[in-house]
Structures are given as structure tokens and as C-alpha cells.
């Protein structure tokens, strides 16, 4: 059986990741693909407990956050992602390793390359074939969300600006595996670009 495909959707809070992931999963299933939709952090019993801590507890250092994210990610890979890929299915993740690179790295002060190194180890080199970054200026993200609830959302516009800059920098550094889509448009327009990017990867490569 051929190995499946791993796609990830990233972006600042308010960019529409969750909605776009669901629309993309529905589109892929309509075309006959088996799709596993998951979120990071979370997606497993252990991961969901870690998610509760990360989103609700203030005061953790960037390194503490990073290690908690990696623990959740390691369990997600072991329990969900790798088995799905081995079955030949498509895994579609709402965030993954790149989120730590920009949130704890570019915005949090930890060396991004060290995060990539740690992430490759924690995930046993299980990384997305393609990551799509939904790009949205922080001020537009703020307008979209009536309430900023979790502790990452409450860190302010300057923090979100560093997050966005990190996403754009990594996309420029890794254009083969990270692409940017303008999220400041209608959901249908954004989804069309997502389908185009994912379809390009699916049609242009084969697994054996």
C-alpha cells in the first residue's frame, strides 16, 4: 500500500484555519480520499489534556510551552498521523510544527532552527508534505474575533505581528513545502486556493 499524504494549515488566530480545514477535508472526501482531520495541540486523549493547559494557564516560559507542544505532537504522530499515513490516507492538520517555530521561536525568542531540530526528533521526521499558511494582518484578525479567549490570543498585536512575520519568513525560506495564501478574502476564495495547492501536490507526485 502506498504511503498517504500529510497536509497542514497554519496562520494567526482568526485567519480561518478550522473552517478551511473542514471545507478542504470535505472536498477531498468527495474525491474518494480517506481523510483524517486533526488539530495540534490535541487530537489524542493526552494531547487534549495538554491543550487545556497550554490555552488556559498563564505564566509558562516559551521553553515550557515548546516542550508541552512537542509532547502533544509526539503522541499525535504515534497514535494518529503515522497510522493514517501507513493506511494510505490523507492527514490534514490544523497547525503542526511550524506553529512552534513561529510562536515560541520568532515571537517567543527561541532559536527557530533549534525548534525545527527538536521537532524532527519529537515527530520521528514525520513532517507535512505541504503547509499552507493563511496570511492575515493582525489588525484584521482582531476585527474578525469578537473575543480573544486563550492566553496566546491575549498577548497583543505586537506578538501577533511577530508571529505573522515568522510565518512569512519561513515560507520564503522553504518555498517547496510552505506556501502562503491570502486569507483576507471570502472563505470561498481562500478555499479555492487551498484546493489548488493541495491538488497540485496530489497530482504532481506519486508514492510507492
N, C-alpha and C. Protein backbone atom coordinates (compact mmCIF):
# COMPACT_ATOMS: atom_id res chain seq x y z
N UNK A 1 0.85 -1.20 0.00
CA UNK A 1 0.00 0.00 0.00
C UNK A 1 0.88 1.24 0.00
N UNK A 2 0.49 2.24 -0.77
CA UNK A 2 1.29 3.45 -0.84
C UNK A 2 1.11 4.30 0.40
N UNK A 3 2.12 5.08 0.69
CA UNK A 3 2.06 5.99 1.83
C UNK A 3 1.11 7.13 1.52
N UNK A 4 0.42 7.61 2.54
CA UNK A 4 -0.52 8.71 2.35
C UNK A 4 0.18 10.06 2.30
N UNK A 5 -0.62 11.10 2.38
CA UNK A 5 -0.12 12.47 2.29
C UNK A 5 -0.46 13.23 3.55
N UNK A 6 0.42 14.15 3.91
CA UNK A 6 0.29 14.93 5.14
C UNK A 6 0.27 16.41 4.76
N UNK A 7 -0.87 17.06 5.02
CA UNK A 7 -1.02 18.49 4.77
C UNK A 7 -1.33 19.21 6.07
N UNK A 8 -0.91 20.47 6.16
CA UNK A 8 -1.14 21.27 7.36
C UNK A 8 -1.60 22.66 6.95
N UNK A 9 -2.53 23.22 7.73
CA UNK A 9 -2.98 24.59 7.53
C UNK A 9 -2.59 25.40 8.76
N UNK A 10 -1.92 26.52 8.53
CA UNK A 10 -1.40 27.36 9.62
C UNK A 10 -1.90 28.80 9.45
N UNK A 11 -1.60 29.63 10.45
CA UNK A 11 -1.94 31.04 10.40
C UNK A 11 -2.26 31.59 11.77
N UNK A 12 -2.32 32.91 11.88
CA UNK A 12 -2.66 33.53 13.16
C UNK A 12 -4.10 33.21 13.52
N UNK A 13 -4.43 33.28 14.80
CA UNK A 13 -5.81 33.08 15.23
C UNK A 13 -6.71 34.11 14.55
N UNK A 14 -7.81 33.62 13.97
CA UNK A 14 -8.72 34.49 13.25
C UNK A 14 -8.57 34.39 11.74
N UNK A 15 -7.55 33.65 11.28
CA UNK A 15 -7.32 33.53 9.84
C UNK A 15 -8.30 32.57 9.17
N UNK A 16 -9.00 31.76 9.96
CA UNK A 16 -9.98 30.84 9.39
C UNK A 16 -9.49 29.42 9.21
N UNK A 17 -8.46 29.01 9.93
CA UNK A 17 -7.87 27.69 9.75
C UNK A 17 -8.87 26.55 9.92
N UNK A 18 -9.62 26.58 11.01
CA UNK A 18 -10.51 25.46 11.32
C UNK A 18 -11.59 25.30 10.26
N UNK A 19 -12.18 26.42 9.85
CA UNK A 19 -13.21 26.37 8.80
C UNK A 19 -12.63 25.85 7.50
N UNK A 20 -11.46 26.37 7.12
CA UNK A 20 -10.85 25.97 5.86
C UNK A 20 -10.41 24.51 5.88
N UNK A 21 -9.93 24.02 7.01
CA UNK A 21 -9.57 22.61 7.13
C UNK A 21 -10.78 21.71 6.90
N UNK A 22 -11.91 22.07 7.50
CA UNK A 22 -13.11 21.26 7.35
C UNK A 22 -13.61 21.26 5.91
N UNK A 23 -13.60 22.44 5.28
CA UNK A 23 -14.02 22.52 3.88
C UNK A 23 -13.10 21.70 2.98
N UNK A 24 -11.80 21.77 3.24
CA UNK A 24 -10.85 21.02 2.44
C UNK A 24 -11.02 19.52 2.65
N UNK A 25 -11.24 19.10 3.89
CA UNK A 25 -11.45 17.68 4.17
C UNK A 25 -12.70 17.17 3.44
N UNK A 26 -13.77 17.95 3.46
CA UNK A 26 -14.99 17.55 2.75
C UNK A 26 -14.74 17.40 1.26
N UNK A 27 -13.99 18.34 0.70
CA UNK A 27 -13.69 18.31 -0.74
C UNK A 27 -12.87 17.08 -1.10
N UNK A 28 -11.88 16.77 -0.29
CA UNK A 28 -11.04 15.59 -0.55
C UNK A 28 -11.84 14.30 -0.43
N UNK A 29 -12.72 14.22 0.56
CA UNK A 29 -13.54 13.02 0.72
C UNK A 29 -14.48 12.83 -0.46
N UNK A 30 -15.01 13.94 -0.98
CA UNK A 30 -15.87 13.85 -2.15
C UNK A 30 -15.14 13.27 -3.35
N UNK A 31 -13.82 13.40 -3.36
CA UNK A 31 -13.00 12.87 -4.44
C UNK A 31 -12.43 11.50 -4.14
N UNK A 32 -12.94 10.88 -3.10
CA UNK A 32 -12.61 9.49 -2.83
C UNK A 32 -11.43 9.25 -1.91
N UNK A 33 -10.85 10.31 -1.37
CA UNK A 33 -9.72 10.13 -0.46
C UNK A 33 -10.20 9.83 0.96
N UNK A 34 -9.47 8.96 1.63
CA UNK A 34 -9.67 8.81 3.06
C UNK A 34 -8.94 9.94 3.76
N UNK A 35 -9.62 10.68 4.63
CA UNK A 35 -9.04 11.86 5.26
C UNK A 35 -9.15 11.76 6.78
N UNK A 36 -8.04 12.01 7.45
CA UNK A 36 -8.03 12.13 8.91
C UNK A 36 -7.76 13.58 9.24
N UNK A 37 -8.70 14.21 9.93
CA UNK A 37 -8.59 15.63 10.31
C UNK A 37 -8.19 15.69 11.78
N UNK A 38 -7.13 16.45 12.08
CA UNK A 38 -6.69 16.53 13.47
C UNK A 38 -6.22 17.95 13.78
N UNK A 39 -6.08 18.22 15.08
CA UNK A 39 -5.62 19.55 15.50
C UNK A 39 -4.42 19.41 16.42
N UNK A 40 -3.59 20.44 16.38
CA UNK A 40 -2.36 20.47 17.17
C UNK A 40 -2.28 21.79 17.93
N UNK A 41 -2.19 21.76 19.27
CA UNK A 41 -2.11 20.58 20.10
C UNK A 41 -3.48 19.91 20.25
N UNK A 42 -3.47 18.64 20.60
CA UNK A 42 -4.71 17.90 20.77
C UNK A 42 -4.72 16.66 19.91
N UNK A 43 -5.93 16.18 19.61
CA UNK A 43 -6.10 15.06 18.72
C UNK A 43 -5.99 13.69 19.36
N UNK A 44 -5.55 13.64 20.60
CA UNK A 44 -5.49 12.40 21.39
C UNK A 44 -5.93 12.74 22.81
N UNK A 45 -6.19 11.72 23.61
CA UNK A 45 -6.59 11.98 25.00
C UNK A 45 -5.51 12.75 25.74
N UNK A 46 -4.26 12.33 25.57
CA UNK A 46 -3.15 13.04 26.21
C UNK A 46 -3.02 14.44 25.65
N UNK A 47 -3.09 14.56 24.32
CA UNK A 47 -2.93 15.85 23.67
C UNK A 47 -3.99 16.85 24.07
N UNK A 48 -5.22 16.38 24.27
CA UNK A 48 -6.29 17.31 24.66
C UNK A 48 -6.08 17.84 26.07
N UNK A 49 -5.53 17.02 26.96
CA UNK A 49 -5.22 17.50 28.30
C UNK A 49 -4.11 18.54 28.24
N UNK A 50 -3.11 18.28 27.42
CA UNK A 50 -2.03 19.26 27.25
C UNK A 50 -2.57 20.55 26.64
N UNK A 51 -3.49 20.43 25.70
CA UNK A 51 -4.09 21.60 25.07
C UNK A 51 -4.79 22.48 26.11
N UNK A 52 -5.50 21.86 27.04
CA UNK A 52 -6.18 22.61 28.09
C UNK A 52 -5.18 23.43 28.90
N UNK A 53 -4.06 22.82 29.23
CA UNK A 53 -3.04 23.53 30.00
C UNK A 53 -2.48 24.69 29.19
N UNK A 54 -2.11 24.43 27.95
CA UNK A 54 -1.47 25.45 27.12
C UNK A 54 -2.36 26.66 26.89
N UNK A 55 -3.64 26.44 26.69
CA UNK A 55 -4.53 27.54 26.34
C UNK A 55 -5.09 28.27 27.55
N UNK A 56 -4.98 27.69 28.74
CA UNK A 56 -5.64 28.30 29.89
C UNK A 56 -4.70 28.77 30.99
N UNK A 57 -3.49 28.27 31.02
CA UNK A 57 -2.58 28.59 32.12
C UNK A 57 -1.57 29.65 31.67
N UNK A 58 -1.56 30.77 32.35
CA UNK A 58 -0.61 31.84 32.04
C UNK A 58 0.69 31.64 32.82
N UNK A 59 1.74 32.25 32.32
CA UNK A 59 2.99 32.29 33.07
C UNK A 59 4.04 31.28 32.67
N UNK A 60 3.71 30.35 31.77
CA UNK A 60 4.71 29.38 31.35
C UNK A 60 5.75 30.06 30.48
N UNK A 61 7.00 29.64 30.61
CA UNK A 61 8.05 30.17 29.75
C UNK A 61 7.87 29.63 28.34
N UNK A 62 8.52 30.29 27.38
CA UNK A 62 8.45 29.82 26.00
C UNK A 62 8.97 28.40 25.88
N UNK A 63 10.02 28.06 26.64
CA UNK A 63 10.57 26.71 26.58
C UNK A 63 9.59 25.69 27.14
N UNK A 64 8.91 26.03 28.23
CA UNK A 64 7.91 25.13 28.79
C UNK A 64 6.79 24.90 27.79
N UNK A 65 6.32 25.98 27.17
CA UNK A 65 5.29 25.85 26.14
C UNK A 65 5.77 24.93 25.02
N UNK A 66 6.99 25.16 24.58
CA UNK A 66 7.52 24.39 23.47
C UNK A 66 7.54 22.89 23.79
N UNK A 67 8.01 22.54 24.97
CA UNK A 67 8.10 21.13 25.33
C UNK A 67 6.73 20.50 25.49
N UNK A 68 5.76 21.25 25.98
CA UNK A 68 4.39 20.73 26.06
C UNK A 68 3.82 20.50 24.67
N UNK A 69 4.03 21.46 23.78
CA UNK A 69 3.58 21.27 22.40
C UNK A 69 4.21 20.03 21.79
N UNK A 70 5.51 19.85 22.01
CA UNK A 70 6.20 18.71 21.42
C UNK A 70 5.69 17.39 22.00
N UNK A 71 5.36 17.37 23.27
CA UNK A 71 4.81 16.15 23.87
C UNK A 71 3.47 15.79 23.23
N UNK A 72 2.61 16.79 23.06
CA UNK A 72 1.33 16.55 22.40
C UNK A 72 1.52 16.08 20.97
N UNK A 73 2.47 16.70 20.29
CA UNK A 73 2.75 16.38 18.88
C UNK A 73 3.29 14.96 18.74
N UNK A 74 4.18 14.57 19.64
CA UNK A 74 4.74 13.22 19.59
C UNK A 74 3.64 12.17 19.73
N UNK A 75 2.70 12.41 20.64
CA UNK A 75 1.60 11.46 20.83
C UNK A 75 0.68 11.44 19.61
N UNK A 76 0.44 12.62 19.03
CA UNK A 76 -0.42 12.72 17.85
C UNK A 76 0.18 11.94 16.68
N UNK A 77 1.48 12.06 16.50
CA UNK A 77 2.16 11.34 15.42
C UNK A 77 2.05 9.83 15.65
N UNK A 78 2.34 9.40 16.87
CA UNK A 78 2.33 7.97 17.18
C UNK A 78 0.94 7.35 17.07
N UNK A 79 -0.05 8.07 17.58
CA UNK A 79 -1.39 7.50 17.72
C UNK A 79 -2.27 7.74 16.50
N UNK A 80 -2.07 8.86 15.78
CA UNK A 80 -2.99 9.24 14.72
C UNK A 80 -2.31 9.37 13.35
N UNK A 81 -1.28 10.21 13.28
CA UNK A 81 -0.75 10.61 11.97
C UNK A 81 -0.05 9.46 11.25
N UNK A 82 0.91 8.84 11.90
CA UNK A 82 1.66 7.78 11.22
C UNK A 82 0.78 6.59 10.84
N UNK A 83 -0.13 6.14 11.73
CA UNK A 83 -1.02 5.04 11.31
C UNK A 83 -1.87 5.41 10.09
N UNK A 84 -2.36 6.66 10.04
CA UNK A 84 -3.18 7.08 8.90
C UNK A 84 -2.35 7.10 7.62
N UNK A 85 -1.12 7.61 7.70
CA UNK A 85 -0.25 7.64 6.53
C UNK A 85 0.08 6.23 6.06
N UNK A 86 0.28 5.32 6.99
CA UNK A 86 0.59 3.94 6.65
C UNK A 86 -0.60 3.25 5.99
N UNK A 87 -1.82 3.73 6.29
CA UNK A 87 -3.02 3.19 5.63
C UNK A 87 -3.24 3.81 4.25
N UNK A 88 -2.40 4.78 3.88
CA UNK A 88 -2.54 5.44 2.59
C UNK A 88 -3.52 6.58 2.58
N UNK A 89 -3.88 7.10 3.76
CA UNK A 89 -4.87 8.17 3.86
C UNK A 89 -4.19 9.54 3.84
N UNK A 90 -5.02 10.56 3.72
CA UNK A 90 -4.53 11.94 3.81
C UNK A 90 -4.75 12.43 5.24
N UNK A 91 -3.71 12.98 5.83
CA UNK A 91 -3.82 13.63 7.14
C UNK A 91 -3.85 15.13 6.91
N UNK A 92 -4.83 15.77 7.49
CA UNK A 92 -4.98 17.23 7.39
C UNK A 92 -4.97 17.80 8.80
N UNK A 93 -3.92 18.56 9.12
CA UNK A 93 -3.72 19.06 10.48
C UNK A 93 -3.99 20.55 10.57
N UNK A 94 -4.74 20.92 11.58
CA UNK A 94 -4.96 22.32 11.95
C UNK A 94 -3.80 22.70 12.89
N UNK A 95 -2.72 23.20 12.30
CA UNK A 95 -1.44 23.52 12.93
C UNK A 95 -0.58 22.26 13.09
N UNK A 96 0.75 22.51 13.10
CA UNK A 96 1.72 21.45 13.42
C UNK A 96 3.03 22.12 13.83
N UNK A 97 4.14 21.55 13.46
CA UNK A 97 5.43 22.01 13.97
C UNK A 97 5.74 23.47 13.65
N UNK A 98 5.35 23.93 12.48
CA UNK A 98 5.63 25.32 12.11
C UNK A 98 5.05 26.30 13.13
N UNK A 99 3.93 25.94 13.76
CA UNK A 99 3.33 26.83 14.77
C UNK A 99 4.31 27.10 15.91
N UNK A 100 5.03 26.07 16.35
CA UNK A 100 6.01 26.29 17.41
C UNK A 100 7.19 27.11 16.93
N UNK A 101 7.58 26.89 15.67
CA UNK A 101 8.69 27.66 15.12
C UNK A 101 8.39 29.15 15.17
N UNK A 102 7.14 29.54 14.89
CA UNK A 102 6.81 30.97 14.86
C UNK A 102 6.34 31.49 16.22
N UNK A 103 5.56 30.72 16.96
CA UNK A 103 5.04 31.22 18.24
C UNK A 103 6.12 31.21 19.34
N UNK A 104 6.79 30.08 19.51
CA UNK A 104 7.83 30.03 20.53
C UNK A 104 9.19 30.47 19.99
N UNK A 105 9.34 30.44 18.67
CA UNK A 105 10.59 30.85 18.05
C UNK A 105 10.64 32.32 17.71
N UNK A 106 10.08 32.69 16.58
CA UNK A 106 10.13 34.08 16.14
C UNK A 106 9.48 35.03 17.15
N UNK A 107 8.35 34.63 17.74
CA UNK A 107 7.66 35.51 18.68
C UNK A 107 8.09 35.30 20.12
N UNK A 108 8.60 34.10 20.44
CA UNK A 108 8.93 33.79 21.82
C UNK A 108 10.39 33.84 22.17
N UNK A 109 11.26 33.97 21.16
CA UNK A 109 12.67 34.17 21.44
C UNK A 109 13.57 32.95 21.39
N UNK A 110 13.01 31.76 21.11
CA UNK A 110 13.83 30.57 20.99
C UNK A 110 14.33 30.45 19.55
N UNK A 111 15.53 29.98 19.36
CA UNK A 111 16.11 29.85 18.03
C UNK A 111 15.23 28.95 17.15
N UNK A 112 14.71 29.46 16.04
CA UNK A 112 13.83 28.65 15.19
C UNK A 112 14.47 27.35 14.72
N UNK A 113 15.75 27.38 14.38
CA UNK A 113 16.39 26.16 13.88
C UNK A 113 16.47 25.10 14.97
N UNK A 114 16.65 25.52 16.22
CA UNK A 114 16.66 24.54 17.31
C UNK A 114 15.27 23.91 17.46
N UNK A 115 14.23 24.70 17.22
CA UNK A 115 12.87 24.15 17.29
C UNK A 115 12.64 23.14 16.18
N UNK A 116 13.10 23.47 14.96
CA UNK A 116 12.99 22.50 13.87
C UNK A 116 13.71 21.20 14.23
N UNK A 117 14.90 21.33 14.81
CA UNK A 117 15.67 20.15 15.17
C UNK A 117 14.95 19.31 16.21
N UNK A 118 14.45 19.96 17.25
CA UNK A 118 13.70 19.25 18.28
C UNK A 118 12.43 18.63 17.70
N UNK A 119 11.77 19.37 16.82
CA UNK A 119 10.53 18.88 16.23
C UNK A 119 10.73 17.67 15.35
N UNK A 120 11.81 17.66 14.60
CA UNK A 120 12.10 16.49 13.76
C UNK A 120 12.32 15.25 14.63
N UNK A 121 12.99 15.46 15.76
CA UNK A 121 13.21 14.34 16.68
C UNK A 121 11.90 13.90 17.33
N UNK A 122 11.10 14.84 17.82
CA UNK A 122 9.86 14.50 18.53
C UNK A 122 8.85 13.82 17.62
N UNK A 123 8.86 14.17 16.33
CA UNK A 123 7.89 13.60 15.40
C UNK A 123 8.46 12.44 14.59
N UNK A 124 9.69 12.04 14.89
CA UNK A 124 10.37 10.98 14.12
C UNK A 124 10.37 11.33 12.63
N UNK A 125 10.66 12.60 12.34
CA UNK A 125 10.76 13.09 10.96
C UNK A 125 9.43 13.02 10.22
N UNK A 126 8.33 13.00 10.94
CA UNK A 126 7.01 12.97 10.30
C UNK A 126 6.54 14.41 10.13
N UNK A 127 6.82 14.99 8.97
CA UNK A 127 6.52 16.39 8.72
C UNK A 127 5.58 16.52 7.52
N UNK A 128 4.83 17.59 7.44
CA UNK A 128 3.88 17.75 6.33
C UNK A 128 4.56 17.78 4.96
N UNK A 129 3.89 17.17 4.00
CA UNK A 129 4.34 17.30 2.61
C UNK A 129 4.15 18.74 2.13
N UNK A 130 3.12 19.38 2.64
CA UNK A 130 2.85 20.79 2.30
C UNK A 130 2.15 21.46 3.47
N UNK A 131 2.61 22.66 3.81
CA UNK A 131 1.95 23.50 4.80
C UNK A 131 1.45 24.76 4.09
N UNK A 132 0.18 25.06 4.27
CA UNK A 132 -0.41 26.27 3.70
C UNK A 132 -0.64 27.27 4.83
N UNK A 133 -0.01 28.43 4.72
CA UNK A 133 -0.16 29.49 5.72
C UNK A 133 -1.25 30.45 5.25
N UNK A 134 -2.30 30.58 6.05
CA UNK A 134 -3.35 31.56 5.76
C UNK A 134 -2.89 32.90 6.33
N UNK A 135 -2.48 33.78 5.46
CA UNK A 135 -1.88 35.05 5.88
C UNK A 135 -2.93 36.12 6.09
N UNK A 136 -2.91 36.70 7.29
CA UNK A 136 -3.87 37.75 7.64
C UNK A 136 -3.18 38.75 8.57
N UNK A 137 -3.24 40.05 8.25
CA UNK A 137 -2.65 41.03 9.15
C UNK A 137 -3.29 40.95 10.54
N UNK A 138 -2.51 41.14 11.60
CA UNK A 138 -3.07 41.03 12.95
C UNK A 138 -4.28 41.92 13.20
N UNK A 139 -4.28 43.13 12.64
CA UNK A 139 -5.43 44.01 12.86
C UNK A 139 -6.70 43.46 12.24
N UNK A 140 -6.59 42.78 11.12
CA UNK A 140 -7.75 42.15 10.50
C UNK A 140 -8.18 40.92 11.31
N UNK A 141 -7.21 40.19 11.84
CA UNK A 141 -7.54 39.05 12.69
C UNK A 141 -8.29 39.53 13.92
N UNK A 142 -7.86 40.65 14.48
CA UNK A 142 -8.53 41.21 15.66
C UNK A 142 -9.97 41.59 15.35
N UNK A 143 -10.20 42.13 14.17
CA UNK A 143 -11.56 42.52 13.77
C UNK A 143 -12.47 41.31 13.61
N UNK A 144 -11.90 40.19 13.21
CA UNK A 144 -12.71 39.00 12.94
C UNK A 144 -13.18 38.31 14.21
N UNK A 145 -12.43 38.43 15.29
CA UNK A 145 -12.77 37.72 16.50
C UNK A 145 -13.33 38.69 17.53
N UNK A 146 -14.56 38.46 17.92
CA UNK A 146 -15.21 39.35 18.89
C UNK A 146 -14.57 39.24 20.26
N UNK A 147 -14.05 38.06 20.57
CA UNK A 147 -13.45 37.83 21.88
C UNK A 147 -12.17 37.02 21.73
N UNK A 148 -11.10 37.51 22.34
CA UNK A 148 -9.83 36.80 22.33
C UNK A 148 -9.72 36.07 23.66
N UNK A 149 -9.90 34.74 23.61
CA UNK A 149 -10.10 33.99 24.84
C UNK A 149 -8.85 33.33 25.41
N UNK A 150 -8.09 32.62 24.56
CA UNK A 150 -6.97 31.88 25.15
C UNK A 150 -5.77 32.80 25.36
N UNK A 151 -4.80 32.29 26.11
CA UNK A 151 -3.69 33.14 26.55
C UNK A 151 -2.77 33.54 25.40
N UNK A 152 -2.76 32.81 24.30
CA UNK A 152 -1.96 33.23 23.15
C UNK A 152 -2.62 34.39 22.42
N UNK A 153 -3.94 34.33 22.29
CA UNK A 153 -4.68 35.41 21.63
C UNK A 153 -4.57 36.72 22.41
N UNK A 154 -4.39 36.64 23.72
CA UNK A 154 -4.38 37.81 24.57
C UNK A 154 -3.01 38.48 24.68
N UNK A 155 -2.04 38.03 23.93
CA UNK A 155 -0.69 38.58 24.05
C UNK A 155 -0.48 39.86 23.25
N UNK A 156 -1.47 40.27 22.50
CA UNK A 156 -1.39 41.60 21.90
C UNK A 156 -0.95 41.61 20.45
N UNK A 157 -1.11 42.79 19.85
CA UNK A 157 -0.87 42.96 18.43
C UNK A 157 0.61 42.83 18.07
N UNK A 158 1.49 43.30 18.94
CA UNK A 158 2.92 43.19 18.64
C UNK A 158 3.34 41.73 18.57
N UNK A 159 2.85 40.92 19.50
CA UNK A 159 3.15 39.49 19.49
C UNK A 159 2.64 38.85 18.22
N UNK A 160 1.39 39.15 17.85
CA UNK A 160 0.82 38.57 16.64
C UNK A 160 1.57 39.04 15.40
N UNK A 161 2.08 40.26 15.43
CA UNK A 161 2.88 40.75 14.32
C UNK A 161 4.15 39.94 14.14
N UNK A 162 4.78 39.56 15.25
CA UNK A 162 5.98 38.73 15.17
C UNK A 162 5.64 37.33 14.67
N UNK A 163 4.49 36.83 15.09
CA UNK A 163 4.03 35.52 14.60
C UNK A 163 3.85 35.56 13.08
N UNK A 164 3.15 36.58 12.61
CA UNK A 164 2.93 36.68 11.17
C UNK A 164 4.26 36.80 10.41
N UNK A 165 5.15 37.62 10.92
CA UNK A 165 6.45 37.78 10.27
C UNK A 165 7.21 36.45 10.23
N UNK A 166 7.08 35.66 11.29
CA UNK A 166 7.72 34.36 11.31
C UNK A 166 7.18 33.42 10.26
N UNK A 167 5.86 33.40 10.11
CA UNK A 167 5.26 32.57 9.07
C UNK A 167 5.78 32.98 7.69
N UNK A 168 5.81 34.26 7.41
CA UNK A 168 6.25 34.73 6.10
C UNK A 168 7.73 34.44 5.87
N UNK A 169 8.53 34.57 6.91
CA UNK A 169 9.96 34.29 6.78
C UNK A 169 10.21 32.82 6.48
N UNK A 170 9.50 31.95 7.17
CA UNK A 170 9.69 30.51 6.94
C UNK A 170 9.18 30.10 5.56
N UNK A 171 8.10 30.73 5.10
CA UNK A 171 7.60 30.43 3.76
C UNK A 171 8.62 30.84 2.70
N UNK A 172 9.28 31.96 2.93
CA UNK A 172 10.30 32.41 2.00
C UNK A 172 11.52 31.49 2.03
N UNK A 173 11.81 30.97 3.21
CA UNK A 173 12.98 30.10 3.37
C UNK A 173 12.73 28.70 2.81
N UNK A 174 11.48 28.24 2.87
CA UNK A 174 11.15 26.86 2.45
C UNK A 174 9.99 26.87 1.45
N UNK A 175 10.16 27.48 0.28
CA UNK A 175 9.04 27.63 -0.65
C UNK A 175 8.51 26.32 -1.22
N UNK A 176 9.30 25.27 -1.18
CA UNK A 176 8.84 23.99 -1.73
C UNK A 176 7.80 23.31 -0.84
N UNK A 177 7.84 23.60 0.46
CA UNK A 177 6.96 22.90 1.41
C UNK A 177 6.04 23.83 2.20
N UNK A 178 6.26 25.16 2.10
CA UNK A 178 5.41 26.12 2.81
C UNK A 178 4.95 27.17 1.81
N UNK A 179 3.64 27.30 1.63
CA UNK A 179 3.10 28.29 0.71
C UNK A 179 2.16 29.22 1.47
N UNK A 180 2.03 30.43 0.97
CA UNK A 180 1.21 31.46 1.62
C UNK A 180 -0.03 31.72 0.78
N UNK A 181 -1.18 31.77 1.43
CA UNK A 181 -2.45 32.10 0.79
C UNK A 181 -3.04 33.32 1.49
N UNK A 182 -3.47 34.29 0.72
CA UNK A 182 -4.08 35.49 1.28
C UNK A 182 -5.43 35.14 1.91
N UNK A 183 -5.53 35.29 3.23
CA UNK A 183 -6.75 34.94 3.95
C UNK A 183 -7.71 36.11 4.11
N UNK A 184 -7.31 37.29 3.62
CA UNK A 184 -8.16 38.48 3.76
C UNK A 184 -9.12 38.57 2.57
N UNK A 185 -9.82 37.49 2.32
CA UNK A 185 -10.79 37.39 1.24
C UNK A 185 -11.95 36.54 1.71
N UNK A 186 -12.90 36.28 0.83
CA UNK A 186 -14.04 35.44 1.20
C UNK A 186 -13.57 34.01 1.46
N UNK A 187 -14.30 33.27 2.31
CA UNK A 187 -13.94 31.87 2.54
C UNK A 187 -13.86 31.05 1.27
N UNK A 188 -14.75 31.32 0.31
CA UNK A 188 -14.74 30.56 -0.93
C UNK A 188 -13.47 30.82 -1.74
N UNK A 189 -13.01 32.06 -1.76
CA UNK A 189 -11.78 32.38 -2.50
C UNK A 189 -10.57 31.74 -1.85
N UNK A 190 -10.53 31.77 -0.53
CA UNK A 190 -9.42 31.14 0.19
C UNK A 190 -9.43 29.64 -0.05
N UNK A 191 -10.60 29.04 0.03
CA UNK A 191 -10.71 27.60 -0.18
C UNK A 191 -10.29 27.20 -1.59
N UNK A 192 -10.59 28.01 -2.57
CA UNK A 192 -10.19 27.71 -3.94
C UNK A 192 -8.67 27.62 -4.06
N UNK A 193 -7.97 28.52 -3.39
CA UNK A 193 -6.51 28.48 -3.42
C UNK A 193 -5.97 27.27 -2.67
N UNK A 194 -6.60 26.93 -1.54
CA UNK A 194 -6.18 25.75 -0.80
C UNK A 194 -6.32 24.49 -1.65
N UNK A 195 -7.45 24.37 -2.31
CA UNK A 195 -7.67 23.20 -3.16
C UNK A 195 -6.66 23.15 -4.30
N UNK A 196 -6.34 24.30 -4.85
CA UNK A 196 -5.37 24.35 -5.93
C UNK A 196 -4.00 23.88 -5.46
N UNK A 197 -3.56 24.35 -4.29
CA UNK A 197 -2.25 23.97 -3.78
C UNK A 197 -2.18 22.49 -3.43
N UNK A 198 -3.21 22.00 -2.75
CA UNK A 198 -3.23 20.59 -2.38
C UNK A 198 -3.37 19.71 -3.62
N UNK A 199 -4.22 20.11 -4.54
CA UNK A 199 -4.38 19.35 -5.77
C UNK A 199 -3.11 19.28 -6.58
N UNK A 200 -2.35 20.36 -6.57
CA UNK A 200 -1.06 20.39 -7.28
C UNK A 200 -0.12 19.33 -6.73
N UNK A 201 -0.06 19.20 -5.42
CA UNK A 201 0.82 18.21 -4.80
C UNK A 201 0.32 16.79 -5.08
N UNK A 202 -0.98 16.58 -4.95
CA UNK A 202 -1.53 15.25 -5.16
C UNK A 202 -1.38 14.78 -6.60
N UNK A 203 -1.51 15.68 -7.55
CA UNK A 203 -1.45 15.28 -8.96
C UNK A 203 -0.03 15.24 -9.51
N UNK A 204 0.88 15.93 -8.84
CA UNK A 204 2.23 16.05 -9.38
C UNK A 204 3.22 15.05 -8.85
N UNK A 205 2.78 14.20 -7.90
CA UNK A 205 3.70 13.26 -7.28
C UNK A 205 3.01 11.92 -7.11
N UNK A 206 3.82 10.87 -7.00
CA UNK A 206 3.31 9.53 -6.73
C UNK A 206 4.04 8.92 -5.56
N UNK A 207 3.39 8.01 -4.87
CA UNK A 207 4.01 7.27 -3.76
C UNK A 207 4.18 5.83 -4.16
N UNK A 208 5.19 5.21 -3.65
CA UNK A 208 5.37 3.79 -3.92
C UNK A 208 5.75 3.07 -2.62
